[in-house]
């Protein structure tokens, strides 16, 4: 876990529960607003989208960029965060 950002480490330290989507590593304030507008206000709803895409990181990143206005960096960090969470908890 040495290579992880503090935000990613905090996200992975416990189950998702009712965390807001802004807790997901890589989700900026602006991206969180865009996601909430589209109905993804909780981290678990964003995780659900990731799982519906069969944990395909490239597809999920493309969706975040095209449909939600994420930058490439935000999309990569977010998909990595959810992938790591799945590795820890699923």
N, C-alpha and C. Protein backbone atom coordinates (compact mmCIF):
# COMPACT_ATOMS: atom_id res chain seq x y z
N UNK A 1 0.81 -1.20 0.00
CA UNK A 1 0.00 0.00 0.00
C UNK A 1 0.86 1.26 0.00
N UNK A 2 2.16 1.10 -0.14
CA UNK A 2 3.06 2.25 -0.12
C UNK A 2 2.84 3.18 -1.30
N UNK A 3 2.45 2.63 -2.44
CA UNK A 3 2.29 3.42 -3.66
C UNK A 3 0.93 4.13 -3.73
N UNK A 4 0.08 3.91 -2.76
CA UNK A 4 -1.27 4.48 -2.79
C UNK A 4 -1.32 5.89 -2.22
N UNK A 5 -2.19 6.69 -2.82
CA UNK A 5 -2.42 8.03 -2.28
C UNK A 5 -3.15 7.90 -0.94
N UNK A 6 -3.03 8.90 -0.09
CA UNK A 6 -3.77 8.86 1.18
C UNK A 6 -5.27 8.71 0.98
N UNK A 7 -5.79 9.33 -0.06
CA UNK A 7 -7.23 9.26 -0.34
C UNK A 7 -7.64 7.84 -0.73
N UNK A 8 -6.82 7.19 -1.56
CA UNK A 8 -7.11 5.81 -1.95
C UNK A 8 -6.99 4.88 -0.75
N UNK A 9 -5.97 5.08 0.05
CA UNK A 9 -5.77 4.26 1.25
C UNK A 9 -6.98 4.39 2.19
N UNK A 10 -7.48 5.61 2.36
CA UNK A 10 -8.65 5.83 3.22
C UNK A 10 -9.88 5.15 2.65
N UNK A 11 -10.07 5.22 1.33
CA UNK A 11 -11.23 4.60 0.70
C UNK A 11 -11.20 3.09 0.87
N UNK A 12 -10.02 2.50 0.78
CA UNK A 12 -9.88 1.05 0.87
C UNK A 12 -9.87 0.53 2.30
N UNK A 13 -9.85 1.42 3.25
CA UNK A 13 -9.72 1.00 4.65
C UNK A 13 -11.00 0.42 5.24
N UNK A 14 -12.12 0.56 4.53
CA UNK A 14 -13.39 0.07 5.06
C UNK A 14 -14.38 -0.15 3.93
N UNK A 15 -15.47 -0.86 4.20
CA UNK A 15 -16.51 -1.05 3.18
C UNK A 15 -17.08 0.29 2.71
N UNK A 16 -17.68 0.30 1.53
CA UNK A 16 -18.22 1.53 0.94
C UNK A 16 -19.34 2.12 1.79
N UNK A 17 -20.25 1.30 2.26
CA UNK A 17 -21.37 1.80 3.05
C UNK A 17 -22.14 2.88 2.31
N UNK A 18 -22.36 4.00 2.97
CA UNK A 18 -23.14 5.10 2.41
C UNK A 18 -22.26 6.29 1.99
N UNK A 19 -21.00 6.03 1.68
CA UNK A 19 -20.09 7.13 1.31
C UNK A 19 -20.58 7.85 0.07
N UNK A 20 -20.44 9.16 0.08
CA UNK A 20 -20.75 9.95 -1.11
C UNK A 20 -19.76 9.62 -2.21
N UNK A 21 -20.16 9.87 -3.44
CA UNK A 21 -19.31 9.56 -4.59
C UNK A 21 -17.99 10.34 -4.54
N UNK A 22 -17.98 11.48 -3.87
CA UNK A 22 -16.76 12.29 -3.77
C UNK A 22 -15.66 11.59 -2.99
N UNK A 23 -15.99 10.54 -2.24
CA UNK A 23 -14.98 9.77 -1.51
C UNK A 23 -14.11 8.92 -2.44
N UNK A 24 -14.61 8.62 -3.64
CA UNK A 24 -13.87 7.78 -4.58
C UNK A 24 -12.62 8.55 -5.04
N UNK A 25 -11.47 7.89 -4.92
CA UNK A 25 -10.21 8.52 -5.35
C UNK A 25 -10.32 8.89 -6.82
N UNK A 26 -9.92 10.08 -7.17
CA UNK A 26 -9.98 10.54 -8.55
C UNK A 26 -11.20 11.39 -8.86
N UNK A 27 -12.19 11.38 -7.98
CA UNK A 27 -13.40 12.16 -8.24
C UNK A 27 -13.22 13.55 -7.65
N UNK A 28 -13.08 14.52 -8.54
CA UNK A 28 -12.94 15.92 -8.12
C UNK A 28 -14.31 16.47 -7.74
N UNK A 29 -14.32 17.67 -7.20
CA UNK A 29 -15.59 18.31 -6.84
C UNK A 29 -16.48 18.48 -8.08
N UNK A 30 -15.89 18.93 -9.17
CA UNK A 30 -16.65 19.13 -10.40
C UNK A 30 -17.20 17.81 -10.94
N UNK A 31 -16.37 16.77 -10.94
CA UNK A 31 -16.83 15.47 -11.42
C UNK A 31 -17.93 14.92 -10.50
N UNK A 32 -17.78 15.12 -9.20
CA UNK A 32 -18.81 14.66 -8.26
C UNK A 32 -20.16 15.32 -8.56
N UNK A 33 -20.13 16.60 -8.88
CA UNK A 33 -21.36 17.32 -9.23
C UNK A 33 -21.97 16.71 -10.50
N UNK A 34 -21.13 16.47 -11.51
CA UNK A 34 -21.61 15.86 -12.76
C UNK A 34 -22.21 14.48 -12.50
N UNK A 35 -21.53 13.68 -11.67
CA UNK A 35 -22.03 12.35 -11.37
C UNK A 35 -23.36 12.41 -10.61
N UNK A 36 -23.45 13.31 -9.65
CA UNK A 36 -24.70 13.45 -8.88
C UNK A 36 -25.85 13.85 -9.79
N UNK A 37 -25.57 14.72 -10.75
CA UNK A 37 -26.59 15.15 -11.71
C UNK A 37 -27.12 13.96 -12.51
N UNK A 38 -26.26 12.97 -12.74
CA UNK A 38 -26.66 11.78 -13.50
C UNK A 38 -27.17 10.65 -12.61
N UNK A 39 -27.32 10.93 -11.31
CA UNK A 39 -27.87 9.93 -10.41
C UNK A 39 -26.86 9.09 -9.66
N UNK A 40 -25.59 9.38 -9.82
CA UNK A 40 -24.52 8.63 -9.15
C UNK A 40 -24.03 9.42 -7.94
N UNK A 41 -24.87 9.53 -6.92
CA UNK A 41 -24.52 10.36 -5.77
C UNK A 41 -23.79 9.59 -4.67
N UNK A 42 -23.83 8.26 -4.71
CA UNK A 42 -23.16 7.43 -3.72
C UNK A 42 -22.04 6.62 -4.39
N UNK A 43 -21.03 6.32 -3.60
CA UNK A 43 -19.91 5.53 -4.13
C UNK A 43 -20.40 4.17 -4.62
N UNK A 44 -21.38 3.59 -3.91
CA UNK A 44 -21.87 2.27 -4.33
C UNK A 44 -22.59 2.30 -5.67
N UNK A 45 -23.18 3.43 -6.05
CA UNK A 45 -23.82 3.50 -7.36
C UNK A 45 -22.77 3.55 -8.47
N UNK A 46 -21.66 4.25 -8.20
CA UNK A 46 -20.57 4.28 -9.16
C UNK A 46 -19.92 2.90 -9.26
N UNK A 47 -19.76 2.23 -8.12
CA UNK A 47 -19.25 0.86 -8.13
C UNK A 47 -20.18 -0.04 -8.94
N UNK A 48 -21.48 0.15 -8.79
CA UNK A 48 -22.44 -0.64 -9.57
C UNK A 48 -22.24 -0.47 -11.06
N UNK A 49 -21.99 0.75 -11.50
CA UNK A 49 -21.73 1.00 -12.93
C UNK A 49 -20.46 0.28 -13.37
N UNK A 50 -19.43 0.32 -12.53
CA UNK A 50 -18.17 -0.38 -12.80
C UNK A 50 -18.42 -1.88 -12.94
N UNK A 51 -19.23 -2.43 -12.05
CA UNK A 51 -19.54 -3.86 -12.09
C UNK A 51 -20.41 -4.21 -13.30
N UNK A 52 -21.36 -3.33 -13.65
CA UNK A 52 -22.18 -3.57 -14.85
C UNK A 52 -21.33 -3.63 -16.11
N UNK A 53 -20.19 -2.94 -16.07
CA UNK A 53 -19.25 -2.97 -17.19
C UNK A 53 -18.23 -4.10 -17.02
N UNK A 54 -18.57 -5.05 -16.16
CA UNK A 54 -17.75 -6.25 -15.92
C UNK A 54 -16.32 -5.91 -15.51
N UNK A 55 -16.19 -4.85 -14.73
CA UNK A 55 -14.89 -4.38 -14.22
C UNK A 55 -13.90 -4.09 -15.35
N UNK A 56 -14.43 -3.74 -16.52
CA UNK A 56 -13.59 -3.38 -17.66
C UNK A 56 -13.14 -1.93 -17.47
N UNK A 57 -11.90 -1.77 -17.07
CA UNK A 57 -11.40 -0.43 -16.74
C UNK A 57 -11.43 0.52 -17.92
N UNK A 58 -11.04 0.05 -19.10
CA UNK A 58 -11.01 0.92 -20.27
C UNK A 58 -12.41 1.41 -20.63
N UNK A 59 -13.40 0.52 -20.57
CA UNK A 59 -14.78 0.89 -20.87
C UNK A 59 -15.31 1.88 -19.83
N UNK A 60 -15.02 1.60 -18.57
CA UNK A 60 -15.48 2.48 -17.49
C UNK A 60 -14.84 3.87 -17.62
N UNK A 61 -13.56 3.91 -17.91
CA UNK A 61 -12.87 5.20 -18.08
C UNK A 61 -13.46 5.98 -19.25
N UNK A 62 -13.72 5.29 -20.34
CA UNK A 62 -14.31 5.95 -21.51
C UNK A 62 -15.69 6.53 -21.16
N UNK A 63 -16.48 5.76 -20.40
CA UNK A 63 -17.80 6.23 -19.97
C UNK A 63 -17.67 7.47 -19.09
N UNK A 64 -16.74 7.44 -18.12
CA UNK A 64 -16.55 8.60 -17.24
C UNK A 64 -16.17 9.85 -18.04
N UNK A 65 -15.30 9.68 -19.01
CA UNK A 65 -14.84 10.81 -19.82
C UNK A 65 -15.95 11.33 -20.73
N UNK A 66 -16.57 10.42 -21.48
CA UNK A 66 -17.57 10.82 -22.47
C UNK A 66 -18.90 11.25 -21.86
N UNK A 67 -19.35 10.56 -20.84
CA UNK A 67 -20.70 10.81 -20.31
C UNK A 67 -20.72 11.70 -19.07
N UNK A 68 -19.58 11.77 -18.38
CA UNK A 68 -19.59 12.49 -17.10
C UNK A 68 -18.60 13.65 -17.04
N UNK A 69 -17.81 13.83 -18.08
CA UNK A 69 -16.90 14.96 -18.14
C UNK A 69 -15.62 14.80 -17.34
N UNK A 70 -15.23 13.56 -17.04
CA UNK A 70 -13.98 13.32 -16.30
C UNK A 70 -12.77 13.59 -17.19
N UNK A 71 -11.67 13.96 -16.57
CA UNK A 71 -10.40 14.03 -17.29
C UNK A 71 -9.85 12.61 -17.38
N UNK A 72 -8.84 12.41 -18.20
CA UNK A 72 -8.22 11.09 -18.30
C UNK A 72 -7.64 10.66 -16.96
N UNK A 73 -7.03 11.60 -16.26
CA UNK A 73 -6.44 11.30 -14.95
C UNK A 73 -7.52 10.91 -13.95
N UNK A 74 -8.61 11.67 -13.91
CA UNK A 74 -9.72 11.34 -13.00
C UNK A 74 -10.30 9.96 -13.32
N UNK A 75 -10.46 9.68 -14.61
CA UNK A 75 -11.03 8.40 -15.03
C UNK A 75 -10.11 7.25 -14.62
N UNK A 76 -8.81 7.41 -14.82
CA UNK A 76 -7.87 6.34 -14.44
C UNK A 76 -7.86 6.14 -12.93
N UNK A 77 -7.77 7.22 -12.17
CA UNK A 77 -7.72 7.10 -10.71
C UNK A 77 -9.01 6.49 -10.16
N UNK A 78 -10.15 6.88 -10.71
CA UNK A 78 -11.43 6.35 -10.25
C UNK A 78 -11.57 4.87 -10.55
N UNK A 79 -11.22 4.48 -11.76
CA UNK A 79 -11.34 3.05 -12.11
C UNK A 79 -10.35 2.23 -11.30
N UNK A 80 -9.16 2.76 -11.07
CA UNK A 80 -8.18 2.05 -10.25
C UNK A 80 -8.68 1.90 -8.81
N UNK A 81 -9.28 2.95 -8.28
CA UNK A 81 -9.83 2.92 -6.93
C UNK A 81 -10.89 1.82 -6.80
N UNK A 82 -11.82 1.78 -7.74
CA UNK A 82 -12.88 0.79 -7.67
C UNK A 82 -12.33 -0.62 -7.90
N UNK A 83 -11.36 -0.76 -8.79
CA UNK A 83 -10.73 -2.06 -9.02
C UNK A 83 -10.05 -2.55 -7.73
N UNK A 84 -9.32 -1.68 -7.09
CA UNK A 84 -8.64 -2.04 -5.84
C UNK A 84 -9.65 -2.38 -4.75
N UNK A 85 -10.75 -1.62 -4.68
CA UNK A 85 -11.77 -1.91 -3.68
C UNK A 85 -12.35 -3.30 -3.91
N UNK A 86 -12.62 -3.63 -5.18
CA UNK A 86 -13.16 -4.96 -5.51
C UNK A 86 -12.17 -6.05 -5.09
N UNK A 87 -10.90 -5.81 -5.31
CA UNK A 87 -9.89 -6.79 -4.91
C UNK A 87 -9.88 -7.03 -3.41
N UNK A 88 -10.15 -5.99 -2.65
CA UNK A 88 -10.14 -6.08 -1.19
C UNK A 88 -11.42 -6.65 -0.62
N UNK A 89 -12.57 -6.34 -1.23
CA UNK A 89 -13.85 -6.64 -0.58
C UNK A 89 -14.75 -7.63 -1.31
N UNK A 90 -14.46 -7.96 -2.57
CA UNK A 90 -15.31 -8.91 -3.29
C UNK A 90 -14.62 -10.24 -3.46
